[in-house]
């Protein structure tokens, strides 16, 4: 018999539902792509554009390492950190002058 694989500790700031097939992001959130070594971030960037109103992938991401904006389809090594607050219930409020 083989022992089960050890469970990875969840990354604080990353909601469990924001990984895998149920990933959802908002403009301003951070995409983090994990490296091949545990705890190492291979790449990170800011979500600057959405292609679906429900926040599902793909995303336009401005990468921190070079500032380029690319169309990004997250893989299983990616997660989203929600850095922006969710819109208030009842919709957005326009405070233009």
PDB file of N, CA and C in Angstrom:
ATOM      1  N   UNK A   1       0.833  -1.181   0.000  1.00  0.00           N
ATOM      2  CA  UNK A   1       0.000   0.000   0.000  1.00  0.00           C
ATOM      3  C   UNK A   1       0.875   1.241   0.000  1.00  0.00           C
ATOM      4  N   UNK A   2       0.413   2.246  -0.673  1.00  0.00           N
ATOM      5  CA  UNK A   2       1.159   3.493  -0.677  1.00  0.00           C
ATOM      6  C   UNK A   2       0.460   4.506   0.201  1.00  0.00           C
ATOM      7  N   UNK A   3       1.258   5.363   0.808  1.00  0.00           N
ATOM      8  CA  UNK A   3       0.706   6.399   1.680  1.00  0.00           C
ATOM      9  C   UNK A   3       0.130   7.515   0.825  1.00  0.00           C
ATOM     10  N   UNK A   4      -0.908   8.178   1.314  1.00  0.00           N
ATOM     11  CA  UNK A   4      -1.466   9.301   0.552  1.00  0.00           C
ATOM     12  C   UNK A   4      -0.455  10.444   0.493  1.00  0.00           C
ATOM     13  N   UNK A   5      -0.545  11.240  -0.553  1.00  0.00           N
ATOM     14  CA  UNK A   5       0.349  12.387  -0.714  1.00  0.00           C
ATOM     15  C   UNK A   5       0.087  13.397   0.395  1.00  0.00           C
ATOM     16  N   UNK A   6       1.140  14.059   0.882  1.00  0.00           N
ATOM     17  CA  UNK A   6       0.922  15.057   1.928  1.00  0.00           C
ATOM     18  C   UNK A   6       0.102  16.218   1.398  1.00  0.00           C
ATOM     19  N   UNK A   7      -0.717  16.790   2.256  1.00  0.00           N
ATOM     20  CA  UNK A   7      -1.565  17.911   1.857  1.00  0.00           C
ATOM     21  C   UNK A   7      -0.758  19.196   1.958  1.00  0.00           C
ATOM     22  N   UNK A   8      -0.921  20.055   0.971  1.00  0.00           N
ATOM     23  CA  UNK A   8      -0.238  21.346   0.973  1.00  0.00           C
ATOM     24  C   UNK A   8      -1.011  22.321   1.833  1.00  0.00           C
ATOM     25  N   UNK A   9      -0.282  23.163   2.531  1.00  0.00           N
ATOM     26  CA  UNK A   9      -0.931  24.190   3.331  1.00  0.00           C
ATOM     27  C   UNK A   9      -1.506  25.242   2.398  1.00  0.00           C
ATOM     28  N   UNK A  10      -2.716  25.717   2.664  1.00  0.00           N
ATOM     29  CA  UNK A  10      -3.305  26.746   1.807  1.00  0.00           C
ATOM     30  C   UNK A  10      -2.525  28.051   1.928  1.00  0.00           C
ATOM     31  N   UNK A  11      -2.433  28.780   0.837  1.00  0.00           N
ATOM     32  CA  UNK A  11      -1.762  30.075   0.797  1.00  0.00           C
ATOM     33  C   UNK A  11      -2.705  31.107   1.384  1.00  0.00           C
ATOM     34  N   UNK A  12      -2.297  31.808   2.462  1.00  0.00           N
ATOM     35  CA  UNK A  12      -3.183  32.837   3.009  1.00  0.00           C
ATOM     36  C   UNK A  12      -3.424  33.911   1.957  1.00  0.00           C
ATOM     37  N   UNK A  13      -4.627  34.386   1.876  1.00  0.00           N
ATOM     38  CA  UNK A  13      -4.971  35.399   0.887  1.00  0.00           C
ATOM     39  C   UNK A  13      -5.515  34.808  -0.399  1.00  0.00           C
ATOM     40  N   UNK A  14      -5.457  33.500  -0.526  1.00  0.00           N
ATOM     41  CA  UNK A  14      -5.987  32.840  -1.717  1.00  0.00           C
ATOM     42  C   UNK A  14      -7.192  32.026  -1.293  1.00  0.00           C
ATOM     43  N   UNK A  15      -8.342  32.409  -1.792  1.00  0.00           N
ATOM     44  CA  UNK A  15      -9.559  31.690  -1.432  1.00  0.00           C
ATOM     45  C   UNK A  15      -9.587  30.352  -2.140  1.00  0.00           C
ATOM     46  N   UNK A  16      -9.983  29.272  -1.456  1.00  0.00           N
ATOM     47  CA  UNK A  16      -9.977  27.942  -2.068  1.00  0.00           C
ATOM     48  C   UNK A  16     -10.794  27.859  -3.339  1.00  0.00           C
ATOM     49  N   UNK A  17     -11.899  28.588  -3.411  1.00  0.00           N
ATOM     50  CA  UNK A  17     -12.737  28.512  -4.598  1.00  0.00           C
ATOM     51  C   UNK A  17     -12.123  29.250  -5.772  1.00  0.00           C
ATOM     52  N   UNK A  18     -10.997  29.941  -5.563  1.00  0.00           N
ATOM     53  CA  UNK A  18     -10.362  30.708  -6.631  1.00  0.00           C
ATOM     54  C   UNK A  18      -9.303  29.910  -7.369  1.00  0.00           C
ATOM     55  N   UNK A  19      -9.315  28.623  -7.229  1.00  0.00           N
ATOM     56  CA  UNK A  19      -8.348  27.793  -7.930  1.00  0.00           C
ATOM     57  C   UNK A  19      -9.078  26.789  -8.801  1.00  0.00           C
ATOM     58  N   UNK A  20      -8.365  26.253  -9.746  1.00  0.00           N
ATOM     59  CA  UNK A  20      -8.931  25.214 -10.602  1.00  0.00           C
ATOM     60  C   UNK A  20     -10.020  25.744 -11.505  1.00  0.00           C
ATOM     61  N   UNK A  21     -10.995  24.883 -11.819  1.00  0.00           N
ATOM     62  CA  UNK A  21     -12.044  25.217 -12.765  1.00  0.00           C
ATOM     63  C   UNK A  21     -12.993  26.289 -12.293  1.00  0.00           C
ATOM     64  N   UNK A  22     -13.027  26.578 -10.995  1.00  0.00           N
ATOM     65  CA  UNK A  22     -13.972  27.578 -10.496  1.00  0.00           C
ATOM     66  C   UNK A  22     -13.308  28.938 -10.298  1.00  0.00           C
ATOM     67  N   UNK A  23     -12.141  29.158 -10.910  1.00  0.00           N
ATOM     68  CA  UNK A  23     -11.419  30.415 -10.727  1.00  0.00           C
ATOM     69  C   UNK A  23     -12.251  31.587 -11.238  1.00  0.00           C
ATOM     70  N   UNK A  24     -12.303  32.632 -10.429  1.00  0.00           N
ATOM     71  CA  UNK A  24     -12.969  33.876 -10.809  1.00  0.00           C
ATOM     72  C   UNK A  24     -12.108  35.019 -10.306  1.00  0.00           C
ATOM     73  N   UNK A  25     -12.023  36.065 -11.114  1.00  0.00           N
ATOM     74  CA  UNK A  25     -11.217  37.226 -10.749  1.00  0.00           C
ATOM     75  C   UNK A  25     -11.949  38.501 -11.113  1.00  0.00           C
ATOM     76  N   UNK A  26     -11.469  39.591 -10.536  1.00  0.00           N
ATOM     77  CA  UNK A  26     -11.955  40.929 -10.849  1.00  0.00           C
ATOM     78  C   UNK A  26     -10.752  41.760 -11.284  1.00  0.00           C
ATOM     79  N   UNK A  27     -11.005  42.821 -12.020  1.00  0.00           N
ATOM     80  CA  UNK A  27      -9.930  43.738 -12.381  1.00  0.00           C
ATOM     81  C   UNK A  27      -9.299  44.243 -11.088  1.00  0.00           C
ATOM     82  N   UNK A  28      -7.980  44.200 -11.022  1.00  0.00           N
ATOM     83  CA  UNK A  28      -7.253  44.617  -9.827  1.00  0.00           C
ATOM     84  C   UNK A  28      -6.760  43.455  -8.985  1.00  0.00           C
ATOM     85  N   UNK A  29      -7.309  42.250  -9.194  1.00  0.00           N
ATOM     86  CA  UNK A  29      -6.837  41.076  -8.465  1.00  0.00           C
ATOM     87  C   UNK A  29      -5.452  40.681  -8.969  1.00  0.00           C
ATOM     88  N   UNK A  30      -4.776  39.863  -8.183  1.00  0.00           N
ATOM     89  CA  UNK A  30      -3.436  39.400  -8.535  1.00  0.00           C
ATOM     90  C   UNK A  30      -3.483  37.935  -8.958  1.00  0.00           C
ATOM     91  N   UNK A  31      -2.837  37.627 -10.070  1.00  0.00           N
ATOM     92  CA  UNK A  31      -2.651  36.238 -10.500  1.00  0.00           C
ATOM     93  C   UNK A  31      -1.268  35.815 -10.044  1.00  0.00           C
ATOM     94  N   UNK A  32      -1.181  34.679  -9.374  1.00  0.00           N
ATOM     95  CA  UNK A  32       0.097  34.145  -8.911  1.00  0.00           C
ATOM     96  C   UNK A  32       0.282  32.774  -9.543  1.00  0.00           C
ATOM     97  N   UNK A  33       1.402  32.614 -10.230  1.00  0.00           N
ATOM     98  CA  UNK A  33       1.746  31.325 -10.842  1.00  0.00           C
ATOM     99  C   UNK A  33       2.865  30.739 -10.015  1.00  0.00           C
ATOM    100  N   UNK A  34       2.619  29.574  -9.452  1.00  0.00           N
ATOM    101  CA  UNK A  34       3.604  28.943  -8.575  1.00  0.00           C
ATOM    102  C   UNK A  34       4.744  28.337  -9.383  1.00  0.00           C
ATOM    103  N   UNK A  35       5.937  28.368  -8.782  1.00  0.00           N
ATOM    104  CA  UNK A  35       7.105  27.759  -9.396  1.00  0.00           C
ATOM    105  C   UNK A  35       7.161  26.275  -9.120  1.00  0.00           C
ATOM    106  N   UNK A  36       8.218  25.647  -9.585  1.00  0.00           N
ATOM    107  CA  UNK A  36       8.366  24.200  -9.390  1.00  0.00           C
ATOM    108  C   UNK A  36       8.861  23.853  -7.995  1.00  0.00           C
ATOM    109  N   UNK A  37       9.372  24.835  -7.252  1.00  0.00           N
ATOM    110  CA  UNK A  37       9.811  24.625  -5.878  1.00  0.00           C
ATOM    111  C   UNK A  37       8.730  25.144  -4.945  1.00  0.00           C
ATOM    112  N   UNK A  38       8.395  24.360  -3.915  1.00  0.00           N
ATOM    113  CA  UNK A  38       7.339  24.737  -2.982  1.00  0.00           C
ATOM    114  C   UNK A  38       7.602  26.116  -2.388  1.00  0.00           C
ATOM    115  N   UNK A  39       6.620  26.992  -2.431  1.00  0.00           N
ATOM    116  CA  UNK A  39       6.721  28.317  -1.851  1.00  0.00           C
ATOM    117  C   UNK A  39       7.333  29.362  -2.761  1.00  0.00           C
ATOM    118  N   UNK A  40       7.781  28.976  -3.944  1.00  0.00           N
ATOM    119  CA  UNK A  40       8.406  29.918  -4.868  1.00  0.00           C
ATOM    120  C   UNK A  40       7.376  30.396  -5.884  1.00  0.00           C
ATOM    121  N   UNK A  41       7.303  31.706  -6.061  1.00  0.00           N
ATOM    122  CA  UNK A  41       6.410  32.287  -7.060  1.00  0.00           C
ATOM    123  C   UNK A  41       7.190  32.415  -8.359  1.00  0.00           C
ATOM    124  N   UNK A  42       6.700  31.781  -9.415  1.00  0.00           N
ATOM    125  CA  UNK A  42       7.366  31.845 -10.708  1.00  0.00           C
ATOM    126  C   UNK A  42       7.053  33.159 -11.404  1.00  0.00           C
ATOM    127  N   UNK A  43       5.829  33.633 -11.232  1.00  0.00           N
ATOM    128  CA  UNK A  43       5.399  34.841 -11.918  1.00  0.00           C
ATOM    129  C   UNK A  43       4.142  35.367 -11.255  1.00  0.00           C
ATOM    130  N   UNK A  44       3.986  36.682 -11.252  1.00  0.00           N
ATOM    131  CA  UNK A  44       2.747  37.258 -10.751  1.00  0.00           C
ATOM    132  C   UNK A  44       2.420  38.501 -11.555  1.00  0.00           C
ATOM    133  N   UNK A  45       1.147  38.853 -11.541  1.00  0.00           N
ATOM    134  CA  UNK A  45       0.708  40.013 -12.295  1.00  0.00           C
ATOM    135  C   UNK A  45      -0.678  40.449 -11.867  1.00  0.00           C
ATOM    136  N   UNK A  46      -1.103  41.592 -12.395  1.00  0.00           N
ATOM    137  CA  UNK A  46      -2.399  42.176 -12.064  1.00  0.00           C
ATOM    138  C   UNK A  46      -3.394  41.927 -13.189  1.00  0.00           C
ATOM    139  N   UNK A  47      -4.599  41.523 -12.809  1.00  0.00           N
ATOM    140  CA  UNK A  47      -5.678  41.368 -13.792  1.00  0.00           C
ATOM    141  C   UNK A  47      -6.109  42.773 -14.205  1.00  0.00           C
ATOM    142  N   UNK A  48      -5.957  43.078 -15.503  1.00  0.00           N
ATOM    143  CA  UNK A  48      -6.324  44.406 -16.007  1.00  0.00           C
ATOM    144  C   UNK A  48      -7.513  44.356 -16.959  1.00  0.00           C
ATOM    145  N   UNK A  49      -7.967  43.140 -17.286  1.00  0.00           N
ATOM    146  CA  UNK A  49      -9.125  43.015 -18.164  1.00  0.00           C
ATOM    147  C   UNK A  49      -9.774  41.663 -18.061  1.00  0.00           C
ATOM    148  N   UNK A  50     -11.096  41.647 -18.207  1.00  0.00           N
ATOM    149  CA  UNK A  50     -11.872  40.408 -18.169  1.00  0.00           C
ATOM    150  C   UNK A  50     -12.508  40.196 -19.536  1.00  0.00           C
ATOM    151  N   UNK A  51     -12.754  38.928 -19.878  1.00  0.00           N
ATOM    152  CA  UNK A  51     -13.419  38.602 -21.138  1.00  0.00           C
ATOM    153  C   UNK A  51     -14.810  38.027 -20.909  1.00  0.00           C
ATOM    154  N   UNK A  52     -15.151  37.763 -19.635  1.00  0.00           N
ATOM    155  CA  UNK A  52     -16.469  37.225 -19.287  1.00  0.00           C
ATOM    156  C   UNK A  52     -17.003  37.979 -18.070  1.00  0.00           C
ATOM    157  N   UNK A  53     -18.283  38.335 -18.062  1.00  0.00           N
ATOM    158  CA  UNK A  53     -18.840  39.102 -16.945  1.00  0.00           C
ATOM    159  C   UNK A  53     -18.816  38.368 -15.605  1.00  0.00           C
ATOM    160  N   UNK A  54     -18.727  37.024 -15.629  1.00  0.00           N
ATOM    161  CA  UNK A  54     -18.703  36.287 -14.362  1.00  0.00           C
ATOM    162  C   UNK A  54     -17.296  36.174 -13.772  1.00  0.00           C
ATOM    163  N   UNK A  55     -16.284  36.752 -14.441  1.00  0.00           N
ATOM    164  CA  UNK A  55     -14.921  36.729 -13.915  1.00  0.00           C
ATOM    165  C   UNK A  55     -14.156  35.452 -14.205  1.00  0.00           C
ATOM    166  N   UNK A  56     -14.704  34.605 -15.083  1.00  0.00           N
ATOM    167  CA  UNK A  56     -14.002  33.366 -15.424  1.00  0.00           C
ATOM    168  C   UNK A  56     -12.921  33.653 -16.467  1.00  0.00           C
ATOM    169  N   UNK A  57     -11.918  32.773 -16.567  1.00  0.00           N
ATOM    170  CA  UNK A  57     -10.823  32.977 -17.522  1.00  0.00           C
ATOM    171  C   UNK A  57     -11.311  32.966 -18.958  1.00  0.00           C
ATOM    172  N   UNK A  58     -10.517  33.525 -19.856  1.00  0.00           N
ATOM    173  CA  UNK A  58      -9.157  34.060 -19.696  1.00  0.00           C
ATOM    174  C   UNK A  58      -9.173  35.497 -19.184  1.00  0.00           C
ATOM    175  N   UNK A  59      -7.960  35.976 -18.816  1.00  0.00           N
ATOM    176  CA  UNK A  59      -7.790  37.319 -18.286  1.00  0.00           C
ATOM    177  C   UNK A  59      -6.715  38.055 -19.069  1.00  0.00           C
ATOM    178  N   UNK A  60      -6.815  39.370 -19.098  1.00  0.00           N
ATOM    179  CA  UNK A  60      -5.708  40.204 -19.547  1.00  0.00           C
ATOM    180  C   UNK A  60      -4.898  40.510 -18.292  1.00  0.00           C
ATOM    181  N   UNK A  61      -3.626  40.136 -18.291  1.00  0.00           N
ATOM    182  CA  UNK A  61      -2.781  40.273 -17.107  1.00  0.00           C
ATOM    183  C   UNK A  61      -1.564  41.129 -17.440  1.00  0.00           C
ATOM    184  N   UNK A  62      -1.282  42.122 -16.576  1.00  0.00           N
ATOM    185  CA  UNK A  62      -0.044  42.896 -16.667  1.00  0.00           C
ATOM    186  C   UNK A  62       0.948  42.232 -15.720  1.00  0.00           C
ATOM    187  N   UNK A  63       1.995  41.639 -16.294  1.00  0.00           N
ATOM    188  CA  UNK A  63       2.972  40.880 -15.525  1.00  0.00           C
ATOM    189  C   UNK A  63       3.950  41.808 -14.815  1.00  0.00           C
ATOM    190  N   UNK A  64       4.228  41.511 -13.547  1.00  0.00           N
ATOM    191  CA  UNK A  64       5.082  42.351 -12.715  1.00  0.00           C
ATOM    192  C   UNK A  64       6.531  42.362 -13.197  1.00  0.00           C
ATOM    193  N   UNK A  65       6.994  41.268 -13.769  1.00  0.00           N
ATOM    194  CA  UNK A  65       8.409  41.188 -14.136  1.00  0.00           C
ATOM    195  C   UNK A  65       8.790  42.051 -15.334  1.00  0.00           C
ATOM    196  N   UNK A  66       7.868  42.247 -16.283  1.00  0.00           N
ATOM    197  CA  UNK A  66       8.224  43.018 -17.475  1.00  0.00           C
ATOM    198  C   UNK A  66       7.187  44.058 -17.887  1.00  0.00           C
ATOM    199  N   UNK A  67       6.044  44.123 -17.183  1.00  0.00           N
ATOM    200  CA  UNK A  67       5.018  45.119 -17.482  1.00  0.00           C
ATOM    201  C   UNK A  67       4.187  44.835 -18.716  1.00  0.00           C
ATOM    202  N   UNK A  68       4.454  43.728 -19.397  1.00  0.00           N
ATOM    203  CA  UNK A  68       3.668  43.384 -20.590  1.00  0.00           C
ATOM    204  C   UNK A  68       2.281  42.917 -20.194  1.00  0.00           C
ATOM    205  N   UNK A  69       1.316  43.201 -21.060  1.00  0.00           N
ATOM    206  CA  UNK A  69      -0.053  42.721 -20.865  1.00  0.00           C
ATOM    207  C   UNK A  69      -0.284  41.605 -21.871  1.00  0.00           C
ATOM    208  N   UNK A  70      -0.710  40.439 -21.357  1.00  0.00           N
ATOM    209  CA  UNK A  70      -0.971  39.293 -22.225  1.00  0.00           C
ATOM    210  C   UNK A  70      -2.318  38.676 -21.881  1.00  0.00           C
ATOM    211  N   UNK A  71      -2.865  37.951 -22.845  1.00  0.00           N
ATOM    212  CA  UNK A  71      -4.064  37.150 -22.619  1.00  0.00           C
ATOM    213  C   UNK A  71      -3.600  35.890 -21.905  1.00  0.00           C
ATOM    214  N   UNK A  72      -4.190  35.601 -20.739  1.00  0.00           N
ATOM    215  CA  UNK A  72      -3.709  34.500 -19.907  1.00  0.00           C
ATOM    216  C   UNK A  72      -4.832  33.525 -19.592  1.00  0.00           C
ATOM    217  N   UNK A  73      -4.576  32.262 -19.889  1.00  0.00           N
ATOM    218  CA  UNK A  73      -5.466  31.157 -19.539  1.00  0.00           C
ATOM    219  C   UNK A  73      -4.812  30.420 -18.380  1.00  0.00           C
ATOM    220  N   UNK A  74      -5.296  30.563 -17.136  1.00  0.00           N
ATOM    221  CA  UNK A  74      -4.644  29.958 -15.981  1.00  0.00           C
ATOM    222  C   UNK A  74      -4.648  28.435 -16.031  1.00  0.00           C
ATOM    223  N   UNK A  75      -3.545  27.862 -15.576  1.00  0.00           N
ATOM    224  CA  UNK A  75      -3.429  26.415 -15.440  1.00  0.00           C
ATOM    225  C   UNK A  75      -3.569  26.028 -13.980  1.00  0.00           C
ATOM    226  N   UNK A  76      -3.338  24.767 -13.661  1.00  0.00           N
ATOM    227  CA  UNK A  76      -3.495  24.294 -12.284  1.00  0.00           C
ATOM    228  C   UNK A  76      -2.445  24.857 -11.329  1.00  0.00           C
ATOM    229  N   UNK A  77      -1.394  25.467 -11.857  1.00  0.00           N
ATOM    230  CA  UNK A  77      -0.352  26.060 -11.021  1.00  0.00           C
ATOM    231  C   UNK A  77      -0.633  27.519 -10.682  1.00  0.00           C
ATOM    232  N   UNK A  78      -1.791  28.033 -11.084  1.00  0.00           N
ATOM    233  CA  UNK A  78      -2.128  29.439 -10.865  1.00  0.00           C
ATOM    234  C   UNK A  78      -3.236  29.596  -9.830  1.00  0.00           C
ATOM    235  N   UNK A  79      -3.199  30.728  -9.143  1.00  0.00           N
ATOM    236  CA  UNK A  79      -4.275  31.071  -8.208  1.00  0.00           C
ATOM    237  C   UNK A  79      -4.489  32.577  -8.278  1.00  0.00           C
ATOM    238  N   UNK A  80      -5.589  33.023  -7.719  1.00  0.00           N
ATOM    239  CA  UNK A  80      -5.924  34.444  -7.742  1.00  0.00           C
ATOM    240  C   UNK A  80      -5.993  34.947  -6.308  1.00  0.00           C
ATOM    241  N   UNK A  81      -5.444  36.120  -6.086  1.00  0.00           N
ATOM    242  CA  UNK A  81      -5.559  36.798  -4.791  1.00  0.00           C
ATOM    243  C   UNK A  81      -6.484  37.971  -5.005  1.00  0.00           C
ATOM    244  N   UNK A  82      -7.576  37.981  -4.272  1.00  0.00           N
ATOM    245  CA  UNK A  82      -8.564  39.049  -4.397  1.00  0.00           C
ATOM    246  C   UNK A  82      -8.091  40.251  -3.596  1.00  0.00           C
ATOM    247  N   UNK A  83      -7.574  41.249  -4.297  1.00  0.00           N
ATOM    248  CA  UNK A  83      -7.036  42.437  -3.640  1.00  0.00           C
ATOM    249  C   UNK A  83      -8.020  43.589  -3.622  1.00  0.00           C
ATOM    250  N   UNK A  84      -9.045  43.520  -4.456  1.00  0.00           N
ATOM    251  CA  UNK A  84     -10.034  44.594  -4.523  1.00  0.00           C
ATOM    252  C   UNK A  84     -11.275  44.190  -3.743  1.00  0.00           C
ATOM    253  N   UNK A  85     -12.007  45.162  -3.272  1.00  0.00           N
ATOM    254  CA  UNK A  85     -13.244  44.838  -2.559  1.00  0.00           C
ATOM    255  C   UNK A  85     -14.345  44.567  -3.568  1.00  0.00           C
ATOM    256  N   UNK A  86     -15.259  43.709  -3.194  1.00  0.00           N
ATOM    257  CA  UNK A  86     -16.388  43.369  -4.066  1.00  0.00           C
ATOM    258  C   UNK A  86     -17.338  44.552  -4.142  1.00  0.00           C
ATOM    259  N   UNK A  87     -18.017  44.725  -5.281  1.00  0.00           N
ATOM    260  CA  UNK A  87     -18.992  45.817  -5.382  1.00  0.00           C
ATOM    261  C   UNK A  87     -20.093  45.662  -4.339  1.00  0.00           C
ATOM    262  N   UNK A  88     -20.602  46.764  -3.883  1.00  0.00           N
ATOM    263  CA  UNK A  88     -21.678  46.737  -2.883  1.00  0.00           C
ATOM    264  C   UNK A  88     -22.941  46.131  -3.488  1.00  0.00           C
ATOM    265  N   UNK A  89     -23.727  45.513  -2.638  1.00  0.00           N
ATOM    266  CA  UNK A  89     -24.987  44.938  -3.115  1.00  0.00           C
ATOM    267  C   UNK A  89     -25.865  46.053  -3.660  1.00  0.00           C
ATOM    268  N   UNK A  90     -26.563  45.766  -4.744  1.00  0.00           N
ATOM    269  CA  UNK A  90     -27.423  46.773  -5.341  1.00  0.00           C
ATOM    270  C   UNK A  90     -26.782  47.464  -6.524  1.00  0.00           C
ATOM    271  N   UNK A  91     -25.571  47.025  -6.892  1.00  0.00           N
ATOM    272  CA  UNK A  91     -24.926  47.582  -8.072  1.00  0.00           C
ATOM    273  C   UNK A  91     -23.938  48.670  -7.736  1.00  0.00           C
ATOM    274  N   UNK A  92     -23.312  49.174  -8.785  1.00  0.00           N
ATOM    275  CA  UNK A  92     -22.315  50.212  -8.593  1.00  0.00           C
ATOM    276  C   UNK A  92     -22.992  51.575  -8.544  1.00  0.00           C
ATOM    277  N   UNK A  93     -22.304  52.502  -7.959  1.00  0.00           N
ATOM    278  CA  UNK A  93     -22.821  53.859  -7.837  1.00  0.00           C
ATOM    279  C   UNK A  93     -21.886  54.775  -8.583  1.00  0.00           C
ATOM    280  N   UNK A  94     -22.411  55.568  -9.495  1.00  0.00           N
ATOM    281  CA  UNK A  94     -21.619  56.497 -10.263  1.00  0.00           C
ATOM    282  C   UNK A  94     -21.599  57.832  -9.528  1.00  0.00           C
ATOM    283  N   UNK A  95     -20.395  58.244  -9.144  1.00  0.00           N
ATOM    284  CA  UNK A  95     -20.266  59.522  -8.433  1.00  0.00           C
ATOM    285  C   UNK A  95     -19.581  60.549  -9.299  1.00  0.00           C
ATOM    286  N   UNK A  96     -19.863  60.540 -10.597  1.00  0.00           N
ATOM    287  CA  UNK A  96     -19.252  61.506 -11.506  1.00  0.00           C
ATOM    288  C   UNK A  96     -19.746  62.912 -11.237  1.00  0.00           C
ATOM    289  N   UNK A  97     -18.896  63.860 -11.544  1.00  0.00           N
ATOM    290  CA  UNK A  97     -19.249  65.276 -11.308  1.00  0.00           C
ATOM    291  C   UNK A  97     -19.474  65.955 -12.633  1.00  0.00           C
TER     292      UNK A  97
END
